[in-house]
């Protein structure tokens, strides 16, 4: 075949290929940016669409099984991934849910101090009075103390703490809520009109329900409140009060599933190396202080102050208090070696 004819055939073939592949050529040209090639590709694509030349290419591809849908069903792909690894997706969704529920408080400043509410029983009175002083001394917290002796979560017929918190405390919009219960809760109560055994399975289940409900009631819908649940202190021998480890385990266990609640374990700061009861202990300056009153139940002033600085330290881990004075003087602080437990084993 003469060379001229061969050249003509090649040119015609190239033109035909260019027309039939006009859509693909235009997409590649657009991806590379504007220029004279892009303008030529646009003209070729327009001609090809006008005379429906591209339909010939599509028909050939259909016959060869090359055409695939360009539509992407994202929901279907996601459903396939979920089905392949449901545990991973469930864990990721739970982590995202908990992250969204973390309290987000503004940085505390002298000009805009955080509002703190302190509530509880007579144990909370002794601790709360110290907490008031410590919180106020920071210069960036405005505390309010509200204690009710001989109360708790066991006897709402005597004083209903959840109702009081919802009706009287939440409307004041505290940003920090510090609660302490337990010393008066080791007593029998009724469930469904029936008396249940103290610390029996039904008693513990009902008490847990009340703790969980109280924590939930205190959550801010806008995540602008941190609830600090202070564990009940260890009680001395012959004090007549027992079971605080059972109650503290419930507080800790329920708090760890709620990002807006943090539990503060008081026992490491009031016990010996074996978590045994102490009447006295040294502070950071080496001075020995009395931690408890003579009844071995209530805090002494020094003991309440020690626990208050512990609570403030936990708050400072979660809220920006850097504009205030949050360093305890050695005479009030526990020795550096004393650390709070981060996990509590179930009581024996």
C-alpha atoms as a PDB file:
ATOM      1  CA  UNK A   1       0.000   0.000   0.000  1.00  0.00           C
ATOM      2  CA  UNK A   2       1.383   3.424  -0.916  1.00  0.00           C
ATOM      3  CA  UNK A   3       2.797   5.414   1.978  1.00  0.00           C
ATOM      4  CA  UNK A   4       0.309   8.244   1.378  1.00  0.00           C
ATOM      5  CA  UNK A   5      -2.638   5.919   1.753  1.00  0.00           C
ATOM      6  CA  UNK A   6      -1.190   4.469   4.947  1.00  0.00           C
ATOM      7  CA  UNK A   7      -0.715   7.963   6.360  1.00  0.00           C
ATOM      8  CA  UNK A   8      -4.290   8.875   5.473  1.00  0.00           C
ATOM      9  CA  UNK A   9      -5.627   5.748   7.166  1.00  0.00           C
ATOM     10  CA  UNK A  10      -3.612   6.517  10.315  1.00  0.00           C
ATOM     11  CA  UNK A  11      -4.868  10.126  10.422  1.00  0.00           C
ATOM     12  CA  UNK A  12      -8.495   9.009   9.940  1.00  0.00           C
ATOM     13  CA  UNK A  13      -8.080   6.385  12.678  1.00  0.00           C
ATOM     14  CA  UNK A  14      -6.654   8.949  15.082  1.00  0.00           C
ATOM     15  CA  UNK A  15      -9.457  11.387  14.325  1.00  0.00           C
ATOM     16  CA  UNK A  16     -12.042   8.654  14.815  1.00  0.00           C
ATOM     17  CA  UNK A  17     -10.441   7.612  18.117  1.00  0.00           C
ATOM     18  CA  UNK A  18     -10.330  11.231  19.246  1.00  0.00           C
ATOM     19  CA  UNK A  19     -14.007  11.721  18.449  1.00  0.00           C
ATOM     20  CA  UNK A  20     -15.115   8.435  19.999  1.00  0.00           C
ATOM     21  CA  UNK A  21     -13.058   9.097  23.177  1.00  0.00           C
ATOM     22  CA  UNK A  22     -13.968  12.786  23.357  1.00  0.00           C
ATOM     23  CA  UNK A  23     -15.569  12.505  26.841  1.00  0.00           C
ATOM     24  CA  UNK A  24     -12.554  10.796  28.414  1.00  0.00           C
ATOM     25  CA  UNK A  25     -10.149  13.190  26.733  1.00  0.00           C
ATOM     26  CA  UNK A  26     -12.103  16.194  28.038  1.00  0.00           C
ATOM     27  CA  UNK A  27     -12.101  14.841  31.611  1.00  0.00           C
ATOM     28  CA  UNK A  28      -8.337  14.360  31.538  1.00  0.00           C
ATOM     29  CA  UNK A  29      -7.838  17.810  30.042  1.00  0.00           C
ATOM     30  CA  UNK A  30     -10.034  19.458  32.688  1.00  0.00           C
ATOM     31  CA  UNK A  31      -8.055  17.719  35.405  1.00  0.00           C
ATOM     32  CA  UNK A  32      -4.811  19.173  34.053  1.00  0.00           C
ATOM     33  CA  UNK A  33      -6.110  22.721  33.856  1.00  0.00           C
ATOM     34  CA  UNK A  34      -6.990  25.225  31.184  1.00  0.00           C
ATOM     35  CA  UNK A  35      -4.912  25.782  28.069  1.00  0.00           C
ATOM     36  CA  UNK A  36      -5.072  25.335  24.349  1.00  0.00           C
ATOM     37  CA  UNK A  37      -5.357  21.544  24.743  1.00  0.00           C
ATOM     38  CA  UNK A  38      -8.379  22.024  26.956  1.00  0.00           C
ATOM     39  CA  UNK A  39     -10.001  24.287  24.355  1.00  0.00           C
ATOM     40  CA  UNK A  40      -9.387  21.734  21.577  1.00  0.00           C
ATOM     41  CA  UNK A  41     -10.764  18.943  23.753  1.00  0.00           C
ATOM     42  CA  UNK A  42     -13.878  21.010  24.465  1.00  0.00           C
ATOM     43  CA  UNK A  43     -14.476  21.551  20.722  1.00  0.00           C
ATOM     44  CA  UNK A  44     -13.985  17.863  19.922  1.00  0.00           C
ATOM     45  CA  UNK A  45     -16.339  16.854  22.743  1.00  0.00           C
ATOM     46  CA  UNK A  46     -19.000  19.284  21.530  1.00  0.00           C
ATOM     47  CA  UNK A  47     -18.789  17.905  17.966  1.00  0.00           C
ATOM     48  CA  UNK A  48     -18.864  14.329  19.236  1.00  0.00           C
ATOM     49  CA  UNK A  49     -21.947  14.988  21.413  1.00  0.00           C
ATOM     50  CA  UNK A  50     -23.698  16.859  18.588  1.00  0.00           C
ATOM     51  CA  UNK A  51     -23.334  13.991  16.129  1.00  0.00           C
ATOM     52  CA  UNK A  52     -23.718  11.329  18.880  1.00  0.00           C
ATOM     53  CA  UNK A  53     -20.388   9.756  18.025  1.00  0.00           C
ATOM     54  CA  UNK A  54     -19.809   8.926  21.698  1.00  0.00           C
ATOM     55  CA  UNK A  55     -22.862   6.676  21.657  1.00  0.00           C
ATOM     56  CA  UNK A  56     -20.947   4.347  19.329  1.00  0.00           C
ATOM     57  CA  UNK A  57     -18.156   4.052  21.916  1.00  0.00           C
ATOM     58  CA  UNK A  58     -20.642   3.397  24.698  1.00  0.00           C
ATOM     59  CA  UNK A  59     -22.360   0.697  22.653  1.00  0.00           C
ATOM     60  CA  UNK A  60     -19.052  -1.056  22.012  1.00  0.00           C
ATOM     61  CA  UNK A  61     -18.078  -0.843  25.690  1.00  0.00           C
ATOM     62  CA  UNK A  62     -21.482  -2.190  26.726  1.00  0.00           C
ATOM     63  CA  UNK A  63     -21.032  -5.133  24.381  1.00  0.00           C
ATOM     64  CA  UNK A  64     -17.606  -5.816  25.863  1.00  0.00           C
ATOM     65  CA  UNK A  65     -18.859  -5.375  29.460  1.00  0.00           C
ATOM     66  CA  UNK A  66     -16.516  -2.488  30.130  1.00  0.00           C
ATOM     67  CA  UNK A  67     -19.075   0.110  31.195  1.00  0.00           C
ATOM     68  CA  UNK A  68     -19.584   0.466  34.934  1.00  0.00           C
ATOM     69  CA  UNK A  69     -21.880   2.862  36.745  1.00  0.00           C
ATOM     70  CA  UNK A  70     -20.229   6.103  37.842  1.00  0.00           C
ATOM     71  CA  UNK A  71     -22.761   6.478  40.666  1.00  0.00           C
ATOM     72  CA  UNK A  72     -21.290   5.679  44.107  1.00  0.00           C
ATOM     73  CA  UNK A  73     -23.731   4.493  46.758  1.00  0.00           C
ATOM     74  CA  UNK A  74     -21.849   5.669  49.856  1.00  0.00           C
ATOM     75  CA  UNK A  75     -24.497   4.355  52.222  1.00  0.00           C
ATOM     76  CA  UNK A  76     -24.261   0.903  50.704  1.00  0.00           C
ATOM     77  CA  UNK A  77     -20.465   0.887  50.945  1.00  0.00           C
ATOM     78  CA  UNK A  78     -20.654   1.995  54.569  1.00  0.00           C
ATOM     79  CA  UNK A  79     -23.217  -0.691  55.321  1.00  0.00           C
ATOM     80  CA  UNK A  80     -20.879  -3.284  53.841  1.00  0.00           C
ATOM     81  CA  UNK A  81     -18.025  -2.060  56.051  1.00  0.00           C
ATOM     82  CA  UNK A  82     -20.227  -2.162  59.144  1.00  0.00           C
ATOM     83  CA  UNK A  83     -21.289  -5.709  58.338  1.00  0.00           C
ATOM     84  CA  UNK A  84     -17.658  -6.750  57.866  1.00  0.00           C
ATOM     85  CA  UNK A  85     -16.428  -5.259  61.174  1.00  0.00           C
ATOM     86  CA  UNK A  86     -19.364  -4.377  63.461  1.00  0.00           C
ATOM     87  CA  UNK A  87     -17.273  -4.330  66.648  1.00  0.00           C
ATOM     88  CA  UNK A  88     -14.927  -1.644  65.342  1.00  0.00           C
ATOM     89  CA  UNK A  89     -17.756   0.602  64.192  1.00  0.00           C
ATOM     90  CA  UNK A  90     -19.630   0.172  67.468  1.00  0.00           C
ATOM     91  CA  UNK A  91     -16.514   1.104  69.458  1.00  0.00           C
ATOM     92  CA  UNK A  92     -15.830   4.149  67.276  1.00  0.00           C
ATOM     93  CA  UNK A  93     -19.417   5.361  67.568  1.00  0.00           C
ATOM     94  CA  UNK A  94     -19.402   4.918  71.349  1.00  0.00           C
ATOM     95  CA  UNK A  95     -16.108   6.795  71.621  1.00  0.00           C
ATOM     96  CA  UNK A  96     -17.524   9.632  69.526  1.00  0.00           C
ATOM     97  CA  UNK A  97     -20.694   9.728  71.649  1.00  0.00           C
ATOM     98  CA  UNK A  98     -18.715   9.952  74.884  1.00  0.00           C
ATOM     99  CA  UNK A  99     -16.383  12.595  73.454  1.00  0.00           C
ATOM    100  CA  UNK A 100     -19.390  14.736  72.537  1.00  0.00           C
ATOM    101  CA  UNK A 101     -20.635  14.563  76.144  1.00  0.00           C
ATOM    102  CA  UNK A 102     -17.452  15.864  77.758  1.00  0.00           C
ATOM    103  CA  UNK A 103     -18.058  19.149  79.593  1.00  0.00           C
ATOM    104  CA  UNK A 104     -16.589  22.215  77.928  1.00  0.00           C
ATOM    105  CA  UNK A 105     -16.220  24.970  80.465  1.00  0.00           C
ATOM    106  CA  UNK A 106     -14.657  28.359  79.768  1.00  0.00           C
ATOM    107  CA  UNK A 107     -11.339  29.208  81.351  1.00  0.00           C
ATOM    108  CA  UNK A 108     -11.876  30.560  84.852  1.00  0.00           C
ATOM    109  CA  UNK A 109     -10.711  34.139  85.434  1.00  0.00           C
ATOM    110  CA  UNK A 110     -11.062  36.679  88.255  1.00  0.00           C
ATOM    111  CA  UNK A 111     -13.388  38.656  85.975  1.00  0.00           C
ATOM    112  CA  UNK A 112     -15.483  35.577  85.116  1.00  0.00           C
ATOM    113  CA  UNK A 113     -15.142  33.077  87.993  1.00  0.00           C
ATOM    114  CA  UNK A 114     -16.761  29.671  87.678  1.00  0.00           C
ATOM    115  CA  UNK A 115     -19.889  29.056  89.755  1.00  0.00           C
ATOM    116  CA  UNK A 116     -19.417  26.102  92.135  1.00  0.00           C
ATOM    117  CA  UNK A 117     -22.146  24.312  94.082  1.00  0.00           C
ATOM    118  CA  UNK A 118     -21.175  22.002  96.984  1.00  0.00           C
ATOM    119  CA  UNK A 119     -23.877  19.705  98.328  1.00  0.00           C
ATOM    120  CA  UNK A 120     -24.352  16.667 100.508  1.00  0.00           C
ATOM    121  CA  UNK A 121     -24.780  15.428 104.058  1.00  0.00           C
ATOM    122  CA  UNK A 122     -22.985  16.356 107.293  1.00  0.00           C
ATOM    123  CA  UNK A 123     -19.748  14.837 105.969  1.00  0.00           C
ATOM    124  CA  UNK A 124     -20.097  17.227 103.055  1.00  0.00           C
ATOM    125  CA  UNK A 125     -20.604  20.028 105.580  1.00  0.00           C
ATOM    126  CA  UNK A 126     -17.148  19.551 107.111  1.00  0.00           C
ATOM    127  CA  UNK A 127     -15.536  18.945 103.747  1.00  0.00           C
ATOM    128  CA  UNK A 128     -17.688  21.640 102.100  1.00  0.00           C
ATOM    129  CA  UNK A 129     -16.715  24.383 104.496  1.00  0.00           C
ATOM    130  CA  UNK A 130     -13.067  23.686 103.675  1.00  0.00           C
ATOM    131  CA  UNK A 131     -13.913  23.407  99.971  1.00  0.00           C
ATOM    132  CA  UNK A 132     -15.535  26.834 100.128  1.00  0.00           C
ATOM    133  CA  UNK A 133     -12.372  28.378 101.556  1.00  0.00           C
ATOM    134  CA  UNK A 134     -10.055  26.590  99.142  1.00  0.00           C
ATOM    135  CA  UNK A 135     -12.188  27.364  96.083  1.00  0.00           C
ATOM    136  CA  UNK A 136     -12.574  31.019  97.044  1.00  0.00           C
ATOM    137  CA  UNK A 137      -8.824  31.321  97.643  1.00  0.00           C
ATOM    138  CA  UNK A 138      -8.159  30.555  93.965  1.00  0.00           C
ATOM    139  CA  UNK A 139      -9.746  33.867  92.974  1.00  0.00           C
ATOM    140  CA  UNK A 140     -11.403  32.206  89.979  1.00  0.00           C
ATOM    141  CA  UNK A 141     -14.225  30.200  91.616  1.00  0.00           C
ATOM    142  CA  UNK A 142     -17.337  31.415  93.416  1.00  0.00           C
ATOM    143  CA  UNK A 143     -18.506  28.582  95.729  1.00  0.00           C
ATOM    144  CA  UNK A 144     -21.865  27.977  97.412  1.00  0.00           C
ATOM    145  CA  UNK A 145     -22.326  25.339 100.144  1.00  0.00           C
ATOM    146  CA  UNK A 146     -25.626  23.508 100.689  1.00  0.00           C
ATOM    147  CA  UNK A 147     -25.482  20.681 103.266  1.00  0.00           C
ATOM    148  CA  UNK A 148     -28.288  18.697 104.897  1.00  0.00           C
ATOM    149  CA  UNK A 149     -27.314  16.587 107.948  1.00  0.00           C
ATOM    150  CA  UNK A 150     -28.656  13.029 108.206  1.00  0.00           C
ATOM    151  CA  UNK A 151     -29.564  12.904 104.511  1.00  0.00           C
ATOM    152  CA  UNK A 152     -28.466  10.937 101.466  1.00  0.00           C
ATOM    153  CA  UNK A 153     -29.942   8.911  98.637  1.00  0.00           C
ATOM    154  CA  UNK A 154     -31.455   6.127 100.763  1.00  0.00           C
ATOM    155  CA  UNK A 155     -34.362   8.032 102.286  1.00  0.00           C
ATOM    156  CA  UNK A 156     -35.996  10.412  99.811  1.00  0.00           C
ATOM    157  CA  UNK A 157     -39.022  10.377 102.108  1.00  0.00           C
ATOM    158  CA  UNK A 158     -36.889  12.328 104.620  1.00  0.00           C
ATOM    159  CA  UNK A 159     -35.089  14.539 102.091  1.00  0.00           C
ATOM    160  CA  UNK A 160     -35.246  14.069  98.339  1.00  0.00           C
ATOM    161  CA  UNK A 161     -31.848  15.080  96.997  1.00  0.00           C
ATOM    162  CA  UNK A 162     -32.532  14.433  93.275  1.00  0.00           C
ATOM    163  CA  UNK A 163     -35.676  16.536  93.451  1.00  0.00           C
ATOM    164  CA  UNK A 164     -33.865  19.293  95.349  1.00  0.00           C
ATOM    165  CA  UNK A 165     -31.021  19.335  92.855  1.00  0.00           C
ATOM    166  CA  UNK A 166     -33.366  19.571  89.868  1.00  0.00           C
ATOM    167  CA  UNK A 167     -35.765  22.139  91.321  1.00  0.00           C
ATOM    168  CA  UNK A 168     -33.445  24.326  93.375  1.00  0.00           C
ATOM    169  CA  UNK A 169     -29.876  23.850  92.149  1.00  0.00           C
ATOM    170  CA  UNK A 170     -29.981  23.321  88.380  1.00  0.00           C
ATOM    171  CA  UNK A 171     -31.906  26.598  87.814  1.00  0.00           C
ATOM    172  CA  UNK A 172     -28.946  28.492  89.322  1.00  0.00           C
ATOM    173  CA  UNK A 173     -26.799  27.039  86.512  1.00  0.00           C
ATOM    174  CA  UNK A 174     -23.687  25.999  88.457  1.00  0.00           C
ATOM    175  CA  UNK A 175     -20.709  25.154  86.258  1.00  0.00           C
ATOM    176  CA  UNK A 176     -19.026  23.002  88.907  1.00  0.00           C
ATOM    177  CA  UNK A 177     -21.147  20.677  91.064  1.00  0.00           C
ATOM    178  CA  UNK A 178     -19.386  18.923  93.944  1.00  0.00           C
ATOM    179  CA  UNK A 179     -21.448  16.206  95.674  1.00  0.00           C
ATOM    180  CA  UNK A 180     -20.729  13.859  98.555  1.00  0.00           C
ATOM    181  CA  UNK A 181     -23.071  11.245 100.007  1.00  0.00           C
ATOM    182  CA  UNK A 182     -22.856   7.874 101.704  1.00  0.00           C
ATOM    183  CA  UNK A 183     -22.469   8.223 105.466  1.00  0.00           C
ATOM    184  CA  UNK A 184     -26.235   8.054 106.051  1.00  0.00           C
ATOM    185  CA  UNK A 185     -27.075   5.686 103.214  1.00  0.00           C
ATOM    186  CA  UNK A 186     -26.128   2.372 104.844  1.00  0.00           C
ATOM    187  CA  UNK A 187     -29.693   1.714 105.960  1.00  0.00           C
ATOM    188  CA  UNK A 188     -32.623  -0.299 104.711  1.00  0.00           C
ATOM    189  CA  UNK A 189     -35.253   1.062 102.363  1.00  0.00           C
ATOM    190  CA  UNK A 190     -38.167  -0.193 100.338  1.00  0.00           C
ATOM    191  CA  UNK A 191     -38.311  -1.212  96.698  1.00  0.00           C
ATOM    192  CA  UNK A 192     -41.756  -1.558  95.179  1.00  0.00           C
ATOM    193  CA  UNK A 193     -43.325  -1.281  98.607  1.00  0.00           C
ATOM    194  CA  UNK A 194     -41.146  -4.109  99.974  1.00  0.00           C
ATOM    195  CA  UNK A 195     -38.345  -3.749 102.502  1.00  0.00           C
ATOM    196  CA  UNK A 196     -35.060  -5.026 101.083  1.00  0.00           C
ATOM    197  CA  UNK A 197     -31.965  -6.203 102.936  1.00  0.00           C
ATOM    198  CA  UNK A 198     -29.284  -3.584 103.365  1.00  0.00           C
ATOM    199  CA  UNK A 199     -26.453  -4.176 100.891  1.00  0.00           C
ATOM    200  CA  UNK A 200     -28.302  -7.152  99.429  1.00  0.00           C
ATOM    201  CA  UNK A 201     -28.552  -7.558  95.628  1.00  0.00           C
ATOM    202  CA  UNK A 202     -31.862  -5.680  95.380  1.00  0.00           C
ATOM    203  CA  UNK A 203     -30.632  -2.926  97.682  1.00  0.00           C
ATOM    204  CA  UNK A 204     -27.431  -2.420  95.698  1.00  0.00           C
ATOM    205  CA  UNK A 205     -29.302  -2.443  92.368  1.00  0.00           C
ATOM    206  CA  UNK A 206     -31.756   0.185  93.587  1.00  0.00           C
ATOM    207  CA  UNK A 207     -29.045   2.341  95.140  1.00  0.00           C
ATOM    208  CA  UNK A 208     -27.064   2.166  91.888  1.00  0.00           C
ATOM    209  CA  UNK A 209     -30.173   3.242  89.982  1.00  0.00           C
ATOM    210  CA  UNK A 210     -30.548   6.279  92.234  1.00  0.00           C
ATOM    211  CA  UNK A 211     -26.883   7.240  91.869  1.00  0.00           C
ATOM    212  CA  UNK A 212     -27.036   6.893  88.080  1.00  0.00           C
ATOM    213  CA  UNK A 213     -30.244   8.922  87.890  1.00  0.00           C
ATOM    214  CA  UNK A 214     -28.778  11.696  90.042  1.00  0.00           C
ATOM    215  CA  UNK A 215     -25.716  11.886  87.793  1.00  0.00           C
ATOM    216  CA  UNK A 216     -27.907  12.018  84.689  1.00  0.00           C
ATOM    217  CA  UNK A 217     -30.140  14.707  86.162  1.00  0.00           C
ATOM    218  CA  UNK A 218     -27.117  16.917  86.763  1.00  0.00           C
ATOM    219  CA  UNK A 219     -25.851  16.820  83.177  1.00  0.00           C
ATOM    220  CA  UNK A 220     -26.003  20.127  81.364  1.00  0.00           C
ATOM    221  CA  UNK A 221     -27.800  19.838  77.992  1.00  0.00           C
ATOM    222  CA  UNK A 222     -25.110  22.135  76.578  1.00  0.00           C
ATOM    223  CA  UNK A 223     -22.232  20.217  78.256  1.00  0.00           C
ATOM    224  CA  UNK A 224     -21.273  23.263  80.321  1.00  0.00           C
ATOM    225  CA  UNK A 225     -21.207  21.601  83.742  1.00  0.00           C
ATOM    226  CA  UNK A 226     -18.697  19.325  85.442  1.00  0.00           C
ATOM    227  CA  UNK A 227     -19.995  17.103  88.245  1.00  0.00           C
ATOM    228  CA  UNK A 228     -17.393  16.055  90.834  1.00  0.00           C
ATOM    229  CA  UNK A 229     -18.574  13.093  92.889  1.00  0.00           C
ATOM    230  CA  UNK A 230     -16.446  12.893  96.035  1.00  0.00           C
ATOM    231  CA  UNK A 231     -16.204   9.400  97.479  1.00  0.00           C
ATOM    232  CA  UNK A 232     -17.285   8.727 101.041  1.00  0.00           C
ATOM    233  CA  UNK A 233     -14.293   8.662 103.420  1.00  0.00           C
ATOM    234  CA  UNK A 234     -13.181   5.513 105.171  1.00  0.00           C
ATOM    235  CA  UNK A 235     -14.897   5.208 108.548  1.00  0.00           C
ATOM    236  CA  UNK A 236     -13.060   4.400 111.738  1.00  0.00           C
ATOM    237  CA  UNK A 237     -13.437   1.226 113.779  1.00  0.00           C
ATOM    238  CA  UNK A 238     -16.456   1.195 116.092  1.00  0.00           C
ATOM    239  CA  UNK A 239     -17.837   4.243 114.305  1.00  0.00           C
ATOM    240  CA  UNK A 240     -21.077   2.436 113.541  1.00  0.00           C
ATOM    241  CA  UNK A 241     -20.803   3.276 109.846  1.00  0.00           C
ATOM    242  CA  UNK A 242     -19.830   0.569 107.370  1.00  0.00           C
ATOM    243  CA  UNK A 243     -20.133  -0.333 103.710  1.00  0.00           C
ATOM    244  CA  UNK A 244     -18.546   2.811 102.284  1.00  0.00           C
ATOM    245  CA  UNK A 245     -16.408   0.704  99.955  1.00  0.00           C
ATOM    246  CA  UNK A 246     -19.590  -0.792  98.474  1.00  0.00           C
ATOM    247  CA  UNK A 247     -21.051   2.649  97.852  1.00  0.00           C
ATOM    248  CA  UNK A 248     -17.809   4.111  96.524  1.00  0.00           C
ATOM    249  CA  UNK A 249     -17.550   1.311  93.991  1.00  0.00           C
ATOM    250  CA  UNK A 250     -21.002   2.237  92.676  1.00  0.00           C
ATOM    251  CA  UNK A 251     -20.093   5.936  92.488  1.00  0.00           C
ATOM    252  CA  UNK A 252     -16.883   5.166  90.604  1.00  0.00           C
ATOM    253  CA  UNK A 253     -18.460   2.605  88.293  1.00  0.00           C
ATOM    254  CA  UNK A 254     -21.334   4.882  87.286  1.00  0.00           C
ATOM    255  CA  UNK A 255     -19.136   7.971  86.953  1.00  0.00           C
ATOM    256  CA  UNK A 256     -16.707   6.324  84.541  1.00  0.00           C
ATOM    257  CA  UNK A 257     -19.457   5.854  81.946  1.00  0.00           C
ATOM    258  CA  UNK A 258     -20.476   9.516  82.108  1.00  0.00           C
ATOM    259  CA  UNK A 259     -17.948  12.035  80.748  1.00  0.00           C
ATOM    260  CA  UNK A 260     -19.588  14.915  82.621  1.00  0.00           C
ATOM    261  CA  UNK A 261     -18.924  13.202  85.985  1.00  0.00           C
ATOM    262  CA  UNK A 262     -15.519  12.651  87.577  1.00  0.00           C
ATOM    263  CA  UNK A 263     -15.090  10.555  90.710  1.00  0.00           C
ATOM    264  CA  UNK A 264     -12.579  11.528  93.412  1.00  0.00           C
ATOM    265  CA  UNK A 265     -11.422   8.708  95.652  1.00  0.00           C
ATOM    266  CA  UNK A 266     -10.709  10.045  99.140  1.00  0.00           C
ATOM    267  CA  UNK A 267      -9.328   6.866 100.739  1.00  0.00           C
ATOM    268  CA  UNK A 268      -5.673   7.175  99.645  1.00  0.00           C
ATOM    269  CA  UNK A 269      -5.494  10.543 101.441  1.00  0.00           C
ATOM    270  CA  UNK A 270      -7.043   9.281 104.678  1.00  0.00           C
ATOM    271  CA  UNK A 271      -5.467   5.849 105.058  1.00  0.00           C
ATOM    272  CA  UNK A 272      -2.149   4.101 105.626  1.00  0.00           C
ATOM    273  CA  UNK A 273      -0.187   2.165 103.017  1.00  0.00           C
ATOM    274  CA  UNK A 274      -2.616  -0.749 103.347  1.00  0.00           C
ATOM    275  CA  UNK A 275      -5.678   1.499 103.030  1.00  0.00           C
ATOM    276  CA  UNK A 276      -6.345   1.202 106.742  1.00  0.00           C
ATOM    277  CA  UNK A 277      -8.059   3.963 108.714  1.00  0.00           C
ATOM    278  CA  UNK A 278      -5.856   6.796 110.032  1.00  0.00           C
ATOM    279  CA  UNK A 279      -6.660   9.369 112.685  1.00  0.00           C
ATOM    280  CA  UNK A 280      -3.510  11.338 111.942  1.00  0.00           C
ATOM    281  CA  UNK A 281      -1.095  11.713 109.046  1.00  0.00           C
ATOM    282  CA  UNK A 282       1.676  14.073 107.931  1.00  0.00           C
ATOM    283  CA  UNK A 283       1.132  16.793 105.366  1.00  0.00           C
ATOM    284  CA  UNK A 284       3.618  17.818 102.700  1.00  0.00           C
ATOM    285  CA  UNK A 285       5.535  19.984 105.194  1.00  0.00           C
ATOM    286  CA  UNK A 286       5.988  17.009 107.530  1.00  0.00           C
ATOM    287  CA  UNK A 287       3.624  18.352 110.164  1.00  0.00           C
ATOM    288  CA  UNK A 288       1.300  15.644 111.560  1.00  0.00           C
ATOM    289  CA  UNK A 289      -2.367  16.655 111.426  1.00  0.00           C
ATOM    290  CA  UNK A 290      -5.583  15.161 112.755  1.00  0.00           C
ATOM    291  CA  UNK A 291      -7.698  14.036 109.817  1.00  0.00           C
ATOM    292  CA  UNK A 292     -10.933  13.173 111.615  1.00  0.00           C
ATOM    293  CA  UNK A 293     -13.116  14.203 114.499  1.00  0.00           C
ATOM    294  CA  UNK A 294     -13.489  12.073 117.630  1.00  0.00           C
ATOM    295  CA  UNK A 295     -16.434  10.139 116.177  1.00  0.00           C
ATOM    296  CA  UNK A 296     -14.075   8.795 113.475  1.00  0.00           C
ATOM    297  CA  UNK A 297     -16.718   9.683 110.908  1.00  0.00           C
ATOM    298  CA  UNK A 298     -16.567  13.417 110.237  1.00  0.00           C
ATOM    299  CA  UNK A 299     -13.582  15.344 108.908  1.00  0.00           C
ATOM    300  CA  UNK A 300     -11.490  17.604 111.052  1.00  0.00           C
ATOM    301  CA  UNK A 301     -10.858  21.047 109.621  1.00  0.00           C
ATOM    302  CA  UNK A 302      -7.401  19.945 108.475  1.00  0.00           C
ATOM    303  CA  UNK A 303      -8.756  16.704 107.019  1.00  0.00           C
ATOM    304  CA  UNK A 304     -11.454  18.550 105.079  1.00  0.00           C
ATOM    305  CA  UNK A 305      -8.869  21.003 103.797  1.00  0.00           C
ATOM    306  CA  UNK A 306      -6.611  18.180 102.597  1.00  0.00           C
ATOM    307  CA  UNK A 307      -9.459  16.556 100.644  1.00  0.00           C
ATOM    308  CA  UNK A 308     -10.514  19.949  99.256  1.00  0.00           C
ATOM    309  CA  UNK A 309      -7.119  20.498  97.645  1.00  0.00           C
ATOM    310  CA  UNK A 310      -7.336  16.987  96.203  1.00  0.00           C
ATOM    311  CA  UNK A 311     -10.706  17.837  94.665  1.00  0.00           C
ATOM    312  CA  UNK A 312      -9.410  21.134  93.329  1.00  0.00           C
ATOM    313  CA  UNK A 313      -6.465  19.330  91.752  1.00  0.00           C
ATOM    314  CA  UNK A 314      -8.866  16.995  89.923  1.00  0.00           C
ATOM    315  CA  UNK A 315     -10.939  19.931  88.699  1.00  0.00           C
ATOM    316  CA  UNK A 316      -7.792  21.654  87.438  1.00  0.00           C
ATOM    317  CA  UNK A 317      -7.056  18.570  85.305  1.00  0.00           C
ATOM    318  CA  UNK A 318     -10.350  19.055  83.485  1.00  0.00           C
ATOM    319  CA  UNK A 319     -10.934  22.819  83.574  1.00  0.00           C
ATOM    320  CA  UNK A 320      -8.558  25.701  82.899  1.00  0.00           C
ATOM    321  CA  UNK A 321      -7.887  27.307  86.301  1.00  0.00           C
ATOM    322  CA  UNK A 322      -4.451  28.664  85.404  1.00  0.00           C
ATOM    323  CA  UNK A 323      -5.509  32.253  86.042  1.00  0.00           C
ATOM    324  CA  UNK A 324      -6.023  31.433  89.726  1.00  0.00           C
ATOM    325  CA  UNK A 325      -4.028  30.210  92.701  1.00  0.00           C
ATOM    326  CA  UNK A 326      -4.315  26.429  92.532  1.00  0.00           C
ATOM    327  CA  UNK A 327      -1.128  25.374  94.341  1.00  0.00           C
ATOM    328  CA  UNK A 328      -1.785  24.265  97.919  1.00  0.00           C
ATOM    329  CA  UNK A 329       0.548  25.417 100.682  1.00  0.00           C
ATOM    330  CA  UNK A 330       2.607  22.498 102.063  1.00  0.00           C
ATOM    331  CA  UNK A 331       0.825  22.794 105.410  1.00  0.00           C
ATOM    332  CA  UNK A 332      -2.475  21.793 103.724  1.00  0.00           C
ATOM    333  CA  UNK A 333      -1.341  19.373 101.018  1.00  0.00           C
ATOM    334  CA  UNK A 334      -0.851  15.604 101.332  1.00  0.00           C
ATOM    335  CA  UNK A 335       2.660  14.263 100.769  1.00  0.00           C
ATOM    336  CA  UNK A 336       3.555  13.976  97.070  1.00  0.00           C
ATOM    337  CA  UNK A 337       3.819  10.201  97.340  1.00  0.00           C
ATOM    338  CA  UNK A 338       0.087   9.888  98.064  1.00  0.00           C
ATOM    339  CA  UNK A 339      -1.786   9.310  94.824  1.00  0.00           C
ATOM    340  CA  UNK A 340      -5.463   8.776  94.120  1.00  0.00           C
ATOM    341  CA  UNK A 341      -6.501   5.393  92.775  1.00  0.00           C
ATOM    342  CA  UNK A 342      -7.734   5.557  89.177  1.00  0.00           C
ATOM    343  CA  UNK A 343      -9.530   2.219  89.310  1.00  0.00           C
ATOM    344  CA  UNK A 344     -11.456   0.588  92.129  1.00  0.00           C
ATOM    345  CA  UNK A 345     -11.793  -3.186  92.355  1.00  0.00           C
ATOM    346  CA  UNK A 346     -15.246  -4.481  93.286  1.00  0.00           C
ATOM    347  CA  UNK A 347     -15.607  -4.641  97.060  1.00  0.00           C
ATOM    348  CA  UNK A 348     -15.186  -8.083  98.614  1.00  0.00           C
END
